[in-house]
């Protein structure tokens, strides 16, 4: 919580000084997180064996 308050304070100080970095750094972080999330989803879909029911937790034989 203190880190969030400090980040907000630094953002406001940078905005008052009209610093380019105060906008560029958060935008870079958002783009980096979005790219990492997209890579993770794509990788997960690429390596998934869609024809193997064991990957989905479905049994071939029902319990009796």
N, C-alpha and C. Protein backbone atom coordinates (compact mmCIF):
# COMPACT_ATOMS: atom_id res chain seq x y z
N UNK A 1 0.83 -1.19 0.00
CA UNK A 1 0.00 0.00 0.00
C UNK A 1 0.88 1.25 0.00
N UNK A 2 1.94 1.21 0.76
CA UNK A 2 2.84 2.36 0.78
C UNK A 2 3.53 2.53 -0.57
N UNK A 3 3.82 1.40 -1.22
CA UNK A 3 4.43 1.46 -2.55
C UNK A 3 3.51 2.10 -3.57
N UNK A 4 2.22 1.83 -3.46
CA UNK A 4 1.25 2.44 -4.37
C UNK A 4 1.17 3.95 -4.16
N UNK A 5 1.18 4.35 -2.90
CA UNK A 5 1.15 5.79 -2.59
C UNK A 5 2.41 6.48 -3.10
N UNK A 6 3.55 5.82 -2.93
CA UNK A 6 4.81 6.39 -3.42
C UNK A 6 4.81 6.49 -4.95
N UNK A 7 4.30 5.46 -5.61
CA UNK A 7 4.24 5.49 -7.08
C UNK A 7 3.32 6.61 -7.55
N UNK A 8 2.19 6.81 -6.88
CA UNK A 8 1.28 7.90 -7.24
C UNK A 8 1.95 9.25 -7.01
N UNK A 9 2.65 9.40 -5.90
CA UNK A 9 3.35 10.65 -5.62
C UNK A 9 4.41 10.94 -6.68
N UNK A 10 5.21 9.93 -7.03
CA UNK A 10 6.22 10.12 -8.06
C UNK A 10 5.60 10.44 -9.41
N UNK A 11 4.46 9.81 -9.72
CA UNK A 11 3.76 10.09 -10.97
C UNK A 11 3.28 11.54 -11.00
N UNK A 12 2.71 12.00 -9.91
CA UNK A 12 2.20 13.37 -9.86
C UNK A 12 3.34 14.39 -9.94
N UNK A 13 4.45 14.12 -9.25
CA UNK A 13 5.60 15.03 -9.32
C UNK A 13 6.14 15.09 -10.75
N UNK A 14 6.25 13.94 -11.40
CA UNK A 14 6.70 13.90 -12.78
C UNK A 14 5.75 14.60 -13.72
N UNK A 15 4.45 14.46 -13.48
CA UNK A 15 3.46 15.12 -14.33
C UNK A 15 3.54 16.63 -14.18
N UNK A 16 3.77 17.11 -12.96
CA UNK A 16 3.89 18.55 -12.74
C UNK A 16 5.13 19.12 -13.42
N UNK A 17 6.18 18.30 -13.53
CA UNK A 17 7.40 18.74 -14.21
C UNK A 17 7.30 18.54 -15.72
N UNK A 18 6.19 17.98 -16.17
CA UNK A 18 5.95 17.67 -17.59
C UNK A 18 7.05 16.76 -18.15
N UNK A 19 7.35 15.73 -17.39
CA UNK A 19 8.38 14.78 -17.78
C UNK A 19 7.80 13.75 -18.76
N UNK A 20 8.56 13.46 -19.81
CA UNK A 20 8.15 12.46 -20.79
C UNK A 20 8.12 11.07 -20.16
N UNK A 21 9.05 10.79 -19.26
CA UNK A 21 9.18 9.47 -18.65
C UNK A 21 7.96 9.11 -17.81
N UNK A 22 7.28 10.10 -17.27
CA UNK A 22 6.13 9.81 -16.41
C UNK A 22 4.99 9.17 -17.22
N UNK A 23 4.95 9.39 -18.51
CA UNK A 23 3.96 8.75 -19.36
C UNK A 23 4.56 7.51 -20.02
N UNK A 24 5.81 7.60 -20.45
CA UNK A 24 6.43 6.51 -21.20
C UNK A 24 6.62 5.24 -20.37
N UNK A 25 7.00 5.37 -19.13
CA UNK A 25 7.28 4.19 -18.30
C UNK A 25 6.00 3.38 -18.02
N UNK A 26 4.90 3.99 -17.58
CA UNK A 26 3.68 3.19 -17.38
C UNK A 26 3.14 2.59 -18.69
N UNK A 27 3.23 3.34 -19.78
CA UNK A 27 2.77 2.80 -21.06
C UNK A 27 3.64 1.60 -21.46
N UNK A 28 4.95 1.71 -21.28
CA UNK A 28 5.85 0.59 -21.56
C UNK A 28 5.47 -0.62 -20.70
N UNK A 29 5.19 -0.39 -19.41
CA UNK A 29 4.84 -1.50 -18.52
C UNK A 29 3.55 -2.18 -18.96
N UNK A 30 2.57 -1.39 -19.36
CA UNK A 30 1.29 -1.96 -19.81
C UNK A 30 1.48 -2.77 -21.08
N UNK A 31 2.24 -2.24 -22.02
CA UNK A 31 2.51 -2.95 -23.27
C UNK A 31 3.30 -4.23 -23.00
N UNK A 32 4.26 -4.18 -22.09
CA UNK A 32 5.06 -5.36 -21.77
C UNK A 32 4.20 -6.45 -21.13
N UNK A 33 3.33 -6.06 -20.21
CA UNK A 33 2.45 -7.04 -19.57
C UNK A 33 1.49 -7.64 -20.59
N UNK A 34 0.92 -6.81 -21.45
CA UNK A 34 0.01 -7.30 -22.48
C UNK A 34 0.71 -8.24 -23.45
N UNK A 35 1.93 -7.92 -23.82
CA UNK A 35 2.69 -8.79 -24.72
C UNK A 35 3.03 -10.11 -24.05
N UNK A 36 3.42 -10.07 -22.80
CA UNK A 36 3.74 -11.30 -22.07
C UNK A 36 2.50 -12.17 -21.92
N UNK A 37 1.37 -11.57 -21.65
CA UNK A 37 0.12 -12.32 -21.53
C UNK A 37 -0.25 -12.96 -22.87
N UNK A 38 -0.12 -12.20 -23.94
CA UNK A 38 -0.40 -12.74 -25.27
C UNK A 38 0.53 -13.88 -25.64
N UNK A 39 1.83 -13.75 -25.31
CA UNK A 39 2.79 -14.82 -25.57
C UNK A 39 2.42 -16.06 -24.77
N UNK A 40 2.07 -15.89 -23.51
CA UNK A 40 1.72 -17.03 -22.65
C UNK A 40 0.50 -17.77 -23.18
N UNK A 41 -0.53 -17.04 -23.58
CA UNK A 41 -1.74 -17.66 -24.11
C UNK A 41 -1.42 -18.38 -25.42
N UNK A 42 -0.66 -17.73 -26.30
CA UNK A 42 -0.30 -18.36 -27.56
C UNK A 42 0.54 -19.60 -27.37
N UNK A 43 1.51 -19.55 -26.46
CA UNK A 43 2.35 -20.71 -26.19
C UNK A 43 1.51 -21.85 -25.62
N UNK A 44 0.61 -21.53 -24.70
CA UNK A 44 -0.23 -22.55 -24.09
C UNK A 44 -1.10 -23.22 -25.15
N UNK A 45 -1.65 -22.43 -26.06
CA UNK A 45 -2.48 -23.00 -27.12
C UNK A 45 -1.65 -23.81 -28.11
N UNK A 46 -0.41 -23.41 -28.35
CA UNK A 46 0.43 -24.10 -29.32
C UNK A 46 0.89 -25.46 -28.82
N UNK A 47 1.16 -25.59 -27.53
CA UNK A 47 1.69 -26.86 -27.01
C UNK A 47 0.59 -27.78 -26.49
N UNK A 48 -0.63 -27.34 -26.46
CA UNK A 48 -1.75 -28.16 -25.98
C UNK A 48 -2.05 -29.26 -26.98
N UNK A 49 -2.21 -30.48 -26.49
CA UNK A 49 -2.61 -31.60 -27.35
C UNK A 49 -4.13 -31.67 -27.30
N UNK A 50 -4.77 -31.06 -28.28
CA UNK A 50 -6.22 -30.91 -28.27
C UNK A 50 -6.96 -32.23 -28.46
N UNK A 51 -6.28 -33.26 -28.94
CA UNK A 51 -6.93 -34.55 -29.19
C UNK A 51 -6.80 -35.52 -28.03
N UNK A 52 -6.05 -35.17 -27.01
CA UNK A 52 -5.82 -36.06 -25.88
C UNK A 52 -6.80 -35.73 -24.75
N UNK A 53 -7.77 -36.59 -24.48
CA UNK A 53 -8.75 -36.29 -23.43
C UNK A 53 -8.15 -36.23 -22.03
N UNK A 54 -6.97 -36.81 -21.83
CA UNK A 54 -6.35 -36.76 -20.51
C UNK A 54 -5.98 -35.33 -20.13
N UNK A 55 -5.75 -34.48 -21.13
CA UNK A 55 -5.44 -33.09 -20.85
C UNK A 55 -6.63 -32.32 -20.29
N UNK A 56 -7.82 -32.84 -20.52
CA UNK A 56 -9.02 -32.14 -20.08
C UNK A 56 -9.63 -32.77 -18.83
N UNK A 57 -9.04 -33.84 -18.31
CA UNK A 57 -9.56 -34.47 -17.11
C UNK A 57 -10.80 -35.30 -17.36
N UNK A 58 -10.99 -35.77 -18.59
CA UNK A 58 -12.15 -36.59 -18.93
C UNK A 58 -11.70 -38.05 -18.99
N UNK A 59 -12.41 -38.91 -18.26
CA UNK A 59 -12.10 -40.32 -18.28
C UNK A 59 -12.78 -40.98 -19.47
N UNK A 60 -12.08 -41.96 -20.10
CA UNK A 60 -12.70 -42.71 -21.18
C UNK A 60 -13.76 -43.66 -20.65
N UNK A 61 -13.53 -44.22 -19.45
CA UNK A 61 -14.46 -45.15 -18.85
C UNK A 61 -15.13 -44.52 -17.64
N UNK A 62 -16.45 -44.48 -17.62
CA UNK A 62 -17.14 -43.90 -16.46
C UNK A 62 -17.01 -44.79 -15.23
N UNK A 63 -17.04 -44.17 -14.05
CA UNK A 63 -17.00 -44.92 -12.81
C UNK A 63 -18.33 -45.62 -12.60
N UNK A 64 -18.27 -46.87 -12.16
CA UNK A 64 -19.51 -47.63 -11.94
C UNK A 64 -19.76 -47.81 -10.48
